[in-house]
Amino acid sequence: MRDITNIATDNLEEIVEIGSNFKIVVTGHSMLPLLGFGRDTIVLRRIDDTEDISNRVAMFRNERGHIVVHRVISIQDGVVTLHGDGNLYQIEKTPRKRIIALLESVIRESGKEISCTSPQWRRKERLWLSLPLWARRYTLAILRRWCNFRDNKR
């Protein structure tokens, strides 16, 4: 029997109207340290093919049909280049039409909601992305170990 979450994500584009917000629980660690460290829930807004997505965190459906949430790095000739903040080397490319939604806010495990356009959030993004590669690599190794330890305790 299929999980209701899988059915919903398989049909996400049909279920959520353009302009509507929806929530999804973060399940991976590819956007560490900004997303996924706790049991974060993200609020996304469904967009159309014409909205500006430069330098934002976007949700897209990859070529295998999986839903992925990563940062937009560049857009050129209708092809969007993305990568996860916690993926130091892997870069993904997808047609612009596969971009489904933009990250609007994050609801932390404590219930606190943080807007992704707030100065506080933007500072955290700039700080993380400005760190040298070696510093991000070691920070991510520690965070991943902590996440694995925490998840195994539950």
N, C-alpha and C. Protein backbone atom coordinates (compact mmCIF):
# COMPACT_ATOMS: atom_id res chain seq x y z
N MET A 1 0.83 -1.18 0.00
CA MET A 1 0.00 0.00 0.00
C MET A 1 0.88 1.24 0.00
N ARG A 2 0.53 2.22 -0.82
CA ARG A 2 1.33 3.44 -0.93
C ARG A 2 0.98 4.44 0.16
N ASP A 3 1.98 5.13 0.63
CA ASP A 3 1.81 6.17 1.64
C ASP A 3 1.12 7.38 1.01
N ILE A 4 0.26 8.06 1.77
CA ILE A 4 -0.46 9.24 1.27
C ILE A 4 0.50 10.35 0.86
N THR A 5 1.64 10.45 1.54
CA THR A 5 2.63 11.46 1.17
C THR A 5 3.16 11.20 -0.23
N ASN A 6 3.43 9.94 -0.56
CA ASN A 6 3.93 9.62 -1.90
C ASN A 6 2.89 9.93 -2.96
N ILE A 7 1.63 9.64 -2.68
CA ILE A 7 0.57 9.94 -3.64
C ILE A 7 0.48 11.45 -3.86
N ALA A 8 0.57 12.21 -2.77
CA ALA A 8 0.48 13.67 -2.88
C ALA A 8 1.65 14.24 -3.67
N THR A 9 2.87 13.78 -3.40
CA THR A 9 4.02 14.34 -4.13
C THR A 9 4.03 13.89 -5.58
N ASP A 10 3.50 12.71 -5.86
CA ASP A 10 3.41 12.26 -7.26
C ASP A 10 2.50 13.17 -8.08
N ASN A 11 1.52 13.77 -7.42
CA ASN A 11 0.53 14.60 -8.11
C ASN A 11 0.55 16.04 -7.64
N LEU A 12 1.67 16.49 -7.12
CA LEU A 12 1.79 17.82 -6.53
C LEU A 12 1.36 18.93 -7.48
N GLU A 13 1.81 18.85 -8.71
CA GLU A 13 1.49 19.91 -9.67
C GLU A 13 -0.01 20.03 -9.91
N GLU A 14 -0.74 18.92 -9.84
CA GLU A 14 -2.18 18.93 -10.05
C GLU A 14 -2.94 19.34 -8.79
N ILE A 15 -2.38 19.04 -7.62
CA ILE A 15 -3.07 19.29 -6.35
C ILE A 15 -2.99 20.76 -5.94
N VAL A 16 -1.80 21.36 -6.08
CA VAL A 16 -1.59 22.72 -5.57
C VAL A 16 -1.72 23.72 -6.71
N GLU A 17 -2.59 24.71 -6.50
CA GLU A 17 -2.80 25.76 -7.50
C GLU A 17 -1.63 26.75 -7.49
N ILE A 18 -1.37 27.37 -8.62
CA ILE A 18 -0.33 28.39 -8.71
C ILE A 18 -0.72 29.53 -7.78
N GLY A 19 0.26 30.00 -7.00
CA GLY A 19 0.03 31.06 -6.03
C GLY A 19 -0.32 30.56 -4.64
N SER A 20 -0.63 29.28 -4.52
CA SER A 20 -1.00 28.72 -3.21
C SER A 20 0.23 28.26 -2.45
N ASN A 21 0.17 28.41 -1.13
CA ASN A 21 1.23 27.90 -0.25
C ASN A 21 0.90 26.49 0.19
N PHE A 22 1.94 25.69 0.41
CA PHE A 22 1.77 24.35 0.95
C PHE A 22 3.00 24.01 1.78
N LYS A 23 2.84 23.04 2.67
CA LYS A 23 3.90 22.65 3.60
C LYS A 23 4.35 21.23 3.32
N ILE A 24 5.66 21.03 3.50
CA ILE A 24 6.25 19.69 3.37
C ILE A 24 7.34 19.57 4.44
N VAL A 25 7.44 18.41 5.05
CA VAL A 25 8.48 18.14 6.04
C VAL A 25 9.77 17.81 5.30
N VAL A 26 10.87 18.41 5.74
CA VAL A 26 12.19 18.14 5.15
C VAL A 26 12.63 16.75 5.60
N THR A 27 13.00 15.92 4.63
CA THR A 27 13.40 14.55 4.96
C THR A 27 14.88 14.28 4.72
N GLY A 28 15.56 15.13 3.99
CA GLY A 28 16.97 14.88 3.68
C GLY A 28 17.89 15.86 4.36
N HIS A 29 19.17 15.71 4.07
CA HIS A 29 20.20 16.57 4.67
C HIS A 29 20.94 17.39 3.61
N SER A 30 20.44 17.43 2.38
CA SER A 30 21.17 18.10 1.31
C SER A 30 21.18 19.62 1.43
N MET A 31 20.33 20.18 2.28
CA MET A 31 20.30 21.63 2.46
C MET A 31 20.83 22.06 3.82
N LEU A 32 21.54 21.15 4.50
CA LEU A 32 22.19 21.53 5.75
C LEU A 32 23.16 22.67 5.49
N PRO A 33 23.36 23.59 6.37
CA PRO A 33 22.83 23.65 7.72
C PRO A 33 21.54 24.46 7.85
N LEU A 34 21.09 25.10 6.77
CA LEU A 34 19.91 25.96 6.88
C LEU A 34 18.60 25.19 6.99
N LEU A 35 18.51 24.04 6.36
CA LEU A 35 17.29 23.23 6.40
C LEU A 35 17.65 21.80 6.78
N GLY A 36 16.79 21.18 7.54
CA GLY A 36 16.94 19.76 7.81
C GLY A 36 17.66 19.41 9.08
N PHE A 37 18.26 20.38 9.75
CA PHE A 37 19.02 20.07 10.96
C PHE A 37 18.08 19.54 12.04
N GLY A 38 16.93 20.16 12.17
CA GLY A 38 15.90 19.64 13.07
C GLY A 38 14.87 18.94 12.21
N ARG A 39 13.72 18.84 12.70
CA ARG A 39 12.61 18.30 11.92
C ARG A 39 11.87 19.49 11.33
N ASP A 40 12.50 20.16 10.37
CA ASP A 40 11.94 21.36 9.76
C ASP A 40 10.78 21.05 8.83
N THR A 41 9.81 21.95 8.81
CA THR A 41 8.74 21.93 7.83
C THR A 41 8.94 23.17 6.99
N ILE A 42 8.87 23.02 5.68
CA ILE A 42 9.05 24.18 4.82
C ILE A 42 7.73 24.57 4.18
N VAL A 43 7.55 25.87 4.04
CA VAL A 43 6.37 26.42 3.39
C VAL A 43 6.82 26.90 2.02
N LEU A 44 6.19 26.36 0.99
CA LEU A 44 6.54 26.69 -0.38
C LEU A 44 5.34 27.34 -1.07
N ARG A 45 5.63 28.12 -2.10
CA ARG A 45 4.57 28.75 -2.90
C ARG A 45 4.70 28.26 -4.33
N ARG A 46 3.61 27.73 -4.83
CA ARG A 46 3.56 27.23 -6.22
C ARG A 46 3.70 28.41 -7.16
N ILE A 47 4.57 28.27 -8.17
CA ILE A 47 4.84 29.36 -9.10
C ILE A 47 4.57 28.93 -10.54
N ASP A 48 4.53 29.92 -11.43
CA ASP A 48 4.39 29.60 -12.85
C ASP A 48 5.75 29.71 -13.53
N ASP A 49 5.79 29.48 -14.82
CA ASP A 49 7.06 29.44 -15.57
C ASP A 49 7.71 30.80 -15.76
N THR A 50 7.02 31.89 -15.42
CA THR A 50 7.56 33.22 -15.70
C THR A 50 8.14 33.92 -14.47
N GLU A 51 7.90 33.40 -13.29
CA GLU A 51 8.35 34.07 -12.07
C GLU A 51 9.87 34.01 -11.92
N ASP A 52 10.45 35.10 -11.40
CA ASP A 52 11.90 35.16 -11.19
C ASP A 52 12.28 34.25 -10.02
N ILE A 53 13.21 33.36 -10.25
CA ILE A 53 13.63 32.41 -9.21
C ILE A 53 15.12 32.55 -8.88
N SER A 54 15.76 33.57 -9.39
CA SER A 54 17.20 33.76 -9.19
C SER A 54 17.56 33.82 -7.71
N ASN A 55 18.60 33.09 -7.34
CA ASN A 55 19.15 33.07 -5.98
C ASN A 55 18.15 32.66 -4.91
N ARG A 56 17.16 31.88 -5.26
CA ARG A 56 16.16 31.41 -4.29
C ARG A 56 16.30 29.90 -4.11
N VAL A 57 15.68 29.38 -3.08
CA VAL A 57 15.60 27.94 -2.87
C VAL A 57 14.32 27.49 -3.55
N ALA A 58 14.44 26.54 -4.46
CA ALA A 58 13.30 26.12 -5.27
C ALA A 58 13.07 24.62 -5.17
N MET A 59 11.82 24.24 -5.39
CA MET A 59 11.44 22.83 -5.45
C MET A 59 11.28 22.47 -6.92
N PHE A 60 11.84 21.32 -7.30
CA PHE A 60 11.69 20.86 -8.68
C PHE A 60 11.55 19.35 -8.69
N ARG A 61 11.08 18.86 -9.81
CA ARG A 61 10.98 17.41 -10.01
C ARG A 61 12.13 17.02 -10.92
N ASN A 62 13.02 16.14 -10.42
CA ASN A 62 14.18 15.76 -11.24
C ASN A 62 13.77 14.76 -12.33
N GLU A 63 14.74 14.36 -13.13
CA GLU A 63 14.45 13.48 -14.28
C GLU A 63 13.93 12.11 -13.87
N ARG A 64 14.19 11.70 -12.62
CA ARG A 64 13.67 10.42 -12.13
C ARG A 64 12.30 10.56 -11.48
N GLY A 65 11.78 11.81 -11.45
CA GLY A 65 10.46 12.05 -10.90
C GLY A 65 10.44 12.37 -9.41
N HIS A 66 11.62 12.47 -8.79
CA HIS A 66 11.69 12.77 -7.36
C HIS A 66 11.58 14.27 -7.13
N ILE A 67 10.96 14.63 -6.01
CA ILE A 67 10.87 16.03 -5.60
C ILE A 67 12.16 16.40 -4.87
N VAL A 68 12.78 17.52 -5.27
CA VAL A 68 14.04 17.97 -4.68
C VAL A 68 13.91 19.46 -4.37
N VAL A 69 14.48 19.88 -3.25
CA VAL A 69 14.51 21.30 -2.87
C VAL A 69 15.97 21.71 -2.76
N HIS A 70 16.43 22.58 -3.70
CA HIS A 70 17.81 23.04 -3.73
C HIS A 70 17.87 24.52 -4.13
N ARG A 71 19.05 25.09 -3.99
CA ARG A 71 19.26 26.51 -4.29
C ARG A 71 19.54 26.73 -5.78
N VAL A 72 18.89 27.74 -6.35
CA VAL A 72 19.12 28.12 -7.75
C VAL A 72 20.44 28.88 -7.82
N ILE A 73 21.34 28.38 -8.66
CA ILE A 73 22.65 29.00 -8.84
C ILE A 73 22.66 29.92 -10.05
N SER A 74 22.07 29.43 -11.15
CA SER A 74 22.02 30.24 -12.37
C SER A 74 20.90 29.74 -13.27
N ILE A 75 20.53 30.60 -14.21
CA ILE A 75 19.53 30.25 -15.23
C ILE A 75 20.08 30.73 -16.56
N GLN A 76 20.17 29.82 -17.52
CA GLN A 76 20.70 30.19 -18.82
C GLN A 76 20.00 29.39 -19.90
N ASP A 77 19.42 30.09 -20.86
CA ASP A 77 18.73 29.46 -21.99
C ASP A 77 17.67 28.45 -21.55
N GLY A 78 16.90 28.80 -20.52
CA GLY A 78 15.82 27.94 -20.06
C GLY A 78 16.25 26.75 -19.22
N VAL A 79 17.55 26.68 -18.88
CA VAL A 79 18.06 25.59 -18.04
C VAL A 79 18.49 26.19 -16.70
N VAL A 80 17.98 25.60 -15.62
CA VAL A 80 18.28 26.08 -14.27
C VAL A 80 19.34 25.18 -13.65
N THR A 81 20.38 25.79 -13.09
CA THR A 81 21.43 25.06 -12.38
C THR A 81 21.18 25.24 -10.89
N LEU A 82 21.15 24.11 -10.16
CA LEU A 82 20.85 24.12 -8.73
C LEU A 82 21.85 23.25 -7.98
N HIS A 83 21.95 23.49 -6.68
CA HIS A 83 22.67 22.56 -5.81
C HIS A 83 22.21 22.76 -4.38
N GLY A 84 22.33 21.71 -3.58
CA GLY A 84 21.98 21.79 -2.18
C GLY A 84 23.10 22.46 -1.41
N ASP A 85 22.75 23.23 -0.40
CA ASP A 85 23.77 23.90 0.41
C ASP A 85 24.69 22.89 1.08
N GLY A 86 24.19 21.70 1.36
CA GLY A 86 24.98 20.65 1.97
C GLY A 86 25.63 19.71 0.97
N ASN A 87 25.44 19.98 -0.32
CA ASN A 87 26.11 19.22 -1.40
C ASN A 87 27.21 20.11 -1.95
N LEU A 88 28.42 19.84 -1.57
CA LEU A 88 29.50 20.73 -1.96
C LEU A 88 29.93 20.57 -3.41
N TYR A 89 29.69 19.41 -4.00
CA TYR A 89 30.21 19.16 -5.34
C TYR A 89 29.14 18.86 -6.38
N GLN A 90 28.03 18.26 -5.98
CA GLN A 90 27.01 17.84 -6.93
C GLN A 90 26.18 19.04 -7.39
N ILE A 91 26.10 19.21 -8.70
CA ILE A 91 25.29 20.26 -9.31
C ILE A 91 24.26 19.59 -10.20
N GLU A 92 23.04 20.11 -10.16
CA GLU A 92 21.96 19.55 -10.97
C GLU A 92 21.47 20.60 -11.95
N LYS A 93 21.05 20.13 -13.10
CA LYS A 93 20.46 21.02 -14.10
C LYS A 93 19.09 20.47 -14.46
N THR A 94 18.15 21.39 -14.64
CA THR A 94 16.79 20.99 -15.00
C THR A 94 16.16 22.07 -15.86
N PRO A 95 15.26 21.69 -16.74
CA PRO A 95 14.55 22.72 -17.51
C PRO A 95 13.73 23.61 -16.57
N ARG A 96 13.60 24.87 -16.91
CA ARG A 96 12.86 25.84 -16.08
C ARG A 96 11.44 25.36 -15.81
N LYS A 97 10.83 24.66 -16.75
CA LYS A 97 9.44 24.21 -16.58
C LYS A 97 9.27 23.17 -15.46
N ARG A 98 10.36 22.57 -14.99
CA ARG A 98 10.28 21.60 -13.89
C ARG A 98 10.32 22.24 -12.51
N ILE A 99 10.55 23.55 -12.45
CA ILE A 99 10.53 24.25 -11.17
C ILE A 99 9.07 24.38 -10.74
N ILE A 100 8.76 23.87 -9.55
CA ILE A 100 7.38 23.82 -9.08
C ILE A 100 7.05 24.96 -8.12
N ALA A 101 7.98 25.24 -7.19
CA ALA A 101 7.66 26.18 -6.11
C ALA A 101 8.92 26.84 -5.58
N LEU A 102 8.73 27.94 -4.83
CA LEU A 102 9.81 28.63 -4.15
C LEU A 102 9.61 28.54 -2.66
N LEU A 103 10.72 28.46 -1.93
CA LEU A 103 10.69 28.43 -0.48
C LEU A 103 10.28 29.80 0.04
N GLU A 104 9.23 29.82 0.87
CA GLU A 104 8.74 31.07 1.45
C GLU A 104 9.16 31.22 2.91
N SER A 105 9.06 30.13 3.68
CA SER A 105 9.44 30.18 5.08
C SER A 105 9.75 28.78 5.59
N VAL A 106 10.36 28.77 6.78
CA VAL A 106 10.74 27.52 7.44
C VAL A 106 10.10 27.52 8.82
N ILE A 107 9.47 26.41 9.17
CA ILE A 107 8.91 26.24 10.51
C ILE A 107 9.81 25.26 11.24
N ARG A 108 10.49 25.76 12.26
CA ARG A 108 11.41 24.94 13.02
C ARG A 108 10.65 23.97 13.92
N GLU A 109 11.35 22.99 14.44
CA GLU A 109 10.75 21.98 15.30
C GLU A 109 10.06 22.64 16.51
N SER A 110 10.57 23.78 16.94
CA SER A 110 10.00 24.50 18.08
C SER A 110 8.68 25.19 17.74
N GLY A 111 8.38 25.29 16.44
CA GLY A 111 7.16 25.98 16.01
C GLY A 111 7.42 27.37 15.48
N LYS A 112 8.63 27.87 15.65
CA LYS A 112 8.98 29.21 15.17
C LYS A 112 9.04 29.21 13.65
N GLU A 113 8.39 30.22 13.04
CA GLU A 113 8.41 30.34 11.58
C GLU A 113 9.33 31.48 11.18
N ILE A 114 10.21 31.21 10.21
CA ILE A 114 11.19 32.19 9.75
C ILE A 114 10.95 32.42 8.26
N SER A 115 10.73 33.67 7.89
CA SER A 115 10.55 34.02 6.48
C SER A 115 11.88 33.93 5.75
N CYS A 116 11.86 33.36 4.56
CA CYS A 116 13.10 33.21 3.78
C CYS A 116 13.47 34.47 3.01
N THR A 117 12.69 35.53 3.18
CA THR A 117 13.05 36.82 2.60
C THR A 117 13.45 37.81 3.68
N SER A 118 13.47 37.36 4.95
CA SER A 118 13.82 38.25 6.06
C SER A 118 15.32 38.52 6.06
N PRO A 119 15.73 39.66 6.61
CA PRO A 119 17.17 39.95 6.72
C PRO A 119 17.93 38.89 7.51
N GLN A 120 17.30 38.35 8.56
CA GLN A 120 17.94 37.30 9.37
C GLN A 120 18.27 36.08 8.51
N TRP A 121 17.32 35.61 7.71
CA TRP A 121 17.53 34.44 6.86
C TRP A 121 18.59 34.73 5.80
N ARG A 122 18.49 35.90 5.17
CA ARG A 122 19.45 36.27 4.11
C ARG A 122 20.87 36.33 4.64
N ARG A 123 21.04 36.85 5.87
CA ARG A 123 22.38 36.89 6.49
C ARG A 123 22.94 35.48 6.68
N LYS A 124 22.09 34.57 7.16
CA LYS A 124 22.54 33.18 7.36
C LYS A 124 22.95 32.55 6.03
N GLU A 125 22.16 32.81 4.98
CA GLU A 125 22.52 32.28 3.65
C GLU A 125 23.87 32.82 3.20
N ARG A 126 24.03 34.14 3.28
CA ARG A 126 25.29 34.76 2.84
C ARG A 126 26.48 34.25 3.64
N LEU A 127 26.30 34.13 4.95
CA LEU A 127 27.38 33.64 5.80
C LEU A 127 27.80 32.24 5.39
N TRP A 128 26.84 31.33 5.26
CA TRP A 128 27.15 29.95 4.90
C TRP A 128 27.83 29.87 3.54
N LEU A 129 27.27 30.56 2.56
CA LEU A 129 27.81 30.47 1.20
C LEU A 129 29.15 31.18 1.03
N SER A 130 29.48 32.08 1.97
CA SER A 130 30.76 32.79 1.87
C SER A 130 31.91 32.04 2.53
N LEU A 131 31.59 31.01 3.32
CA LEU A 131 32.65 30.24 3.98
C LEU A 131 33.50 29.51 2.94
N PRO A 132 34.79 29.36 3.21
CA PRO A 132 35.63 28.58 2.30
C PRO A 132 35.15 27.13 2.25
N LEU A 133 35.42 26.48 1.15
CA LEU A 133 34.97 25.11 0.94
C LEU A 133 35.42 24.17 2.06
N TRP A 134 36.66 24.30 2.52
CA TRP A 134 37.16 23.41 3.57
C TRP A 134 36.37 23.60 4.86
N ALA A 135 35.97 24.83 5.19
CA ALA A 135 35.21 25.08 6.42
C ALA A 135 33.82 24.49 6.32
N ARG A 136 33.20 24.62 5.15
CA ARG A 136 31.87 24.02 4.96
C ARG A 136 31.95 22.49 5.02
N ARG A 137 33.01 21.92 4.44
CA ARG A 137 33.17 20.46 4.43
C ARG A 137 33.22 19.92 5.86
N TYR A 138 34.05 20.53 6.72
CA TYR A 138 34.17 20.04 8.10
C TYR A 138 32.91 20.31 8.91
N THR A 139 32.28 21.44 8.71
CA THR A 139 31.03 21.76 9.40
C THR A 139 29.95 20.75 9.02
N LEU A 140 29.84 20.44 7.74
CA LEU A 140 28.84 19.47 7.28
C LEU A 140 29.10 18.08 7.84
N ALA A 141 30.37 17.69 7.93
CA ALA A 141 30.69 16.37 8.48
C ALA A 141 30.21 16.26 9.92
N ILE A 142 30.42 17.31 10.69
CA ILE A 142 29.98 17.32 12.09
C ILE A 142 28.45 17.30 12.15
N LEU A 143 27.80 18.13 11.35
CA LEU A 143 26.33 18.19 11.37
C LEU A 143 25.70 16.86 10.95
N ARG A 144 26.26 16.22 9.94
CA ARG A 144 25.71 14.93 9.50
C ARG A 144 25.85 13.87 10.59
N ARG A 145 27.00 13.86 11.26
CA ARG A 145 27.19 12.90 12.35
C ARG A 145 26.19 13.17 13.47
N TRP A 146 25.98 14.45 13.79
CA TRP A 146 25.02 14.79 14.82
C TRP A 146 23.61 14.36 14.41
N CYS A 147 23.22 14.60 13.17
CA CYS A 147 21.90 14.19 12.68
C CYS A 147 21.73 12.68 12.75
N ASN A 148 22.74 11.94 12.34
CA ASN A 148 22.67 10.47 12.40
C ASN A 148 22.56 9.99 13.84
N PHE A 149 23.33 10.60 14.73
CA PHE A 149 23.28 10.23 16.15
C PHE A 149 21.89 10.52 16.71
N ARG A 150 21.37 11.71 16.44
CA ARG A 150 20.06 12.10 16.93
C ARG A 150 18.96 11.21 16.38
N ASP A 151 19.02 10.91 15.09
CA ASP A 151 18.00 10.07 14.46
C ASP A 151 18.03 8.64 14.99
N ASN A 152 19.20 8.13 15.31
CA ASN A 152 19.32 6.77 15.85
C ASN A 152 18.81 6.67 17.28
N LYS A 153 18.80 7.80 18.01
CA LYS A 153 18.31 7.80 19.39
C LYS A 153 16.79 7.77 19.44
N ARG A 154 16.11 8.20 18.36
CA ARG A 154 14.65 8.28 18.35
C ARG A 154 14.02 6.95 18.14
